[in-house]
């Protein structure tokens, strides 16, 4: 659970920096962030019990 808590803010920071540097990749950054955020939320439930 701690890993998920640490991964989400890190992904948000990376996504924000990418959007500032290259605004044209906004759609890809948002899509990737949402996919990773969803996977991070599902993994504890899939492998927990």
N, C-alpha and C. Protein backbone atom coordinates (compact mmCIF):
# COMPACT_ATOMS: atom_id res chain seq x y z
N UNK A 1 0.83 -1.20 0.00
CA UNK A 1 0.00 0.00 0.00
C UNK A 1 0.86 1.25 0.00
N UNK A 2 2.00 1.20 0.65
CA UNK A 2 2.88 2.36 0.70
C UNK A 2 3.41 2.70 -0.69
N UNK A 3 3.67 1.67 -1.50
CA UNK A 3 4.18 1.90 -2.84
C UNK A 3 3.18 2.67 -3.68
N UNK A 4 1.91 2.32 -3.57
CA UNK A 4 0.88 3.02 -4.33
C UNK A 4 0.80 4.48 -3.91
N UNK A 5 0.94 4.72 -2.62
CA UNK A 5 0.87 6.09 -2.11
C UNK A 5 2.04 6.92 -2.64
N UNK A 6 3.20 6.32 -2.78
CA UNK A 6 4.37 7.03 -3.27
C UNK A 6 4.41 7.15 -4.79
N UNK A 7 3.82 6.21 -5.50
CA UNK A 7 3.85 6.22 -6.96
C UNK A 7 2.95 7.30 -7.54
N UNK A 8 1.79 7.48 -6.98
CA UNK A 8 0.82 8.42 -7.53
C UNK A 8 1.32 9.87 -7.56
N UNK A 9 1.88 10.40 -6.47
CA UNK A 9 2.40 11.77 -6.56
C UNK A 9 3.58 11.89 -7.51
N UNK A 10 4.40 10.85 -7.58
CA UNK A 10 5.53 10.87 -8.51
C UNK A 10 5.05 10.89 -9.95
N UNK A 11 4.04 10.10 -10.28
CA UNK A 11 3.49 10.11 -11.63
C UNK A 11 2.86 11.46 -11.95
N UNK A 12 2.18 12.05 -11.00
CA UNK A 12 1.57 13.36 -11.22
C UNK A 12 2.64 14.41 -11.49
N UNK A 13 3.74 14.36 -10.76
CA UNK A 13 4.83 15.31 -10.96
C UNK A 13 5.46 15.14 -12.34
N UNK A 14 5.72 13.91 -12.73
CA UNK A 14 6.30 13.65 -14.05
C UNK A 14 5.35 14.09 -15.16
N UNK A 15 4.06 13.80 -15.01
CA UNK A 15 3.08 14.21 -16.01
C UNK A 15 3.02 15.72 -16.13
N UNK A 16 3.04 16.42 -15.01
CA UNK A 16 3.00 17.88 -15.04
C UNK A 16 4.22 18.48 -15.72
N UNK A 17 5.38 17.93 -15.45
CA UNK A 17 6.60 18.44 -16.08
C UNK A 17 6.57 18.18 -17.59
N UNK A 18 6.13 16.99 -18.00
CA UNK A 18 6.05 16.69 -19.43
C UNK A 18 5.08 17.63 -20.14
N UNK A 19 3.97 17.93 -19.51
CA UNK A 19 2.99 18.84 -20.12
C UNK A 19 3.57 20.24 -20.25
N UNK A 20 4.34 20.68 -19.26
CA UNK A 20 4.96 22.00 -19.34
C UNK A 20 6.02 22.06 -20.44
N UNK A 21 6.80 20.99 -20.58
CA UNK A 21 7.88 20.99 -21.57
C UNK A 21 7.34 20.81 -22.98
N UNK A 22 6.45 19.84 -23.17
CA UNK A 22 5.93 19.51 -24.50
C UNK A 22 4.40 19.46 -24.44
N UNK A 23 3.73 20.60 -24.60
CA UNK A 23 2.27 20.61 -24.46
C UNK A 23 1.53 19.74 -25.48
N UNK A 24 2.18 19.41 -26.61
CA UNK A 24 1.52 18.60 -27.63
C UNK A 24 1.28 17.16 -27.18
N UNK A 25 1.98 16.70 -26.16
CA UNK A 25 1.82 15.32 -25.70
C UNK A 25 0.79 15.20 -24.58
N UNK A 26 -0.03 16.23 -24.42
CA UNK A 26 -1.00 16.26 -23.32
C UNK A 26 -1.90 15.02 -23.32
N UNK A 27 -2.44 14.65 -24.47
CA UNK A 27 -3.34 13.48 -24.53
C UNK A 27 -2.63 12.20 -24.11
N UNK A 28 -1.41 12.02 -24.57
CA UNK A 28 -0.67 10.81 -24.23
C UNK A 28 -0.30 10.78 -22.75
N UNK A 29 0.07 11.92 -22.20
CA UNK A 29 0.43 11.98 -20.79
C UNK A 29 -0.78 11.66 -19.92
N UNK A 30 -1.93 12.24 -20.25
CA UNK A 30 -3.13 11.99 -19.47
C UNK A 30 -3.56 10.53 -19.59
N UNK A 31 -3.52 9.98 -20.80
CA UNK A 31 -3.90 8.58 -20.99
C UNK A 31 -2.97 7.65 -20.21
N UNK A 32 -1.67 7.89 -20.31
CA UNK A 32 -0.71 7.06 -19.58
C UNK A 32 -0.88 7.17 -18.08
N UNK A 33 -1.11 8.39 -17.61
CA UNK A 33 -1.30 8.61 -16.18
C UNK A 33 -2.54 7.86 -15.68
N UNK A 34 -3.63 7.96 -16.43
CA UNK A 34 -4.85 7.29 -16.00
C UNK A 34 -4.70 5.77 -16.00
N UNK A 35 -4.00 5.23 -17.00
CA UNK A 35 -3.76 3.79 -17.05
C UNK A 35 -2.91 3.35 -15.87
N UNK A 36 -1.82 4.06 -15.61
CA UNK A 36 -0.95 3.69 -14.49
C UNK A 36 -1.65 3.87 -13.14
N UNK A 37 -2.44 4.94 -13.02
CA UNK A 37 -3.19 5.18 -11.79
C UNK A 37 -4.19 4.05 -11.55
N UNK A 38 -4.87 3.62 -12.60
CA UNK A 38 -5.82 2.52 -12.49
C UNK A 38 -5.14 1.21 -12.12
N UNK A 39 -4.00 0.92 -12.76
CA UNK A 39 -3.27 -0.31 -12.44
C UNK A 39 -2.75 -0.28 -11.01
N UNK A 40 -2.26 0.86 -10.58
CA UNK A 40 -1.75 0.98 -9.21
C UNK A 40 -2.88 0.76 -8.20
N UNK A 41 -4.08 1.15 -8.54
CA UNK A 41 -5.21 0.94 -7.65
C UNK A 41 -5.71 -0.49 -7.66
N UNK A 42 -5.55 -1.18 -8.80
CA UNK A 42 -6.05 -2.54 -8.91
C UNK A 42 -5.09 -3.60 -8.36
N UNK A 43 -3.79 -3.38 -8.48
CA UNK A 43 -2.83 -4.41 -8.09
C UNK A 43 -2.96 -4.88 -6.64
N UNK A 44 -3.16 -3.99 -5.67
CA UNK A 44 -3.31 -4.50 -4.29
C UNK A 44 -4.54 -5.41 -4.15
N UNK A 45 -5.59 -5.13 -4.90
CA UNK A 45 -6.80 -5.93 -4.81
C UNK A 45 -6.67 -7.24 -5.57
N UNK A 46 -5.91 -7.24 -6.66
CA UNK A 46 -5.75 -8.46 -7.44
C UNK A 46 -4.86 -9.48 -6.75
N UNK A 47 -3.79 -9.01 -6.11
CA UNK A 47 -2.84 -9.93 -5.51
C UNK A 47 -2.94 -10.00 -3.99
N UNK A 48 -3.85 -9.22 -3.40
CA UNK A 48 -3.95 -9.18 -1.94
C UNK A 48 -4.51 -10.46 -1.34
N UNK A 49 -5.64 -10.91 -1.85
CA UNK A 49 -6.21 -12.13 -1.27
C UNK A 49 -7.14 -12.79 -2.25
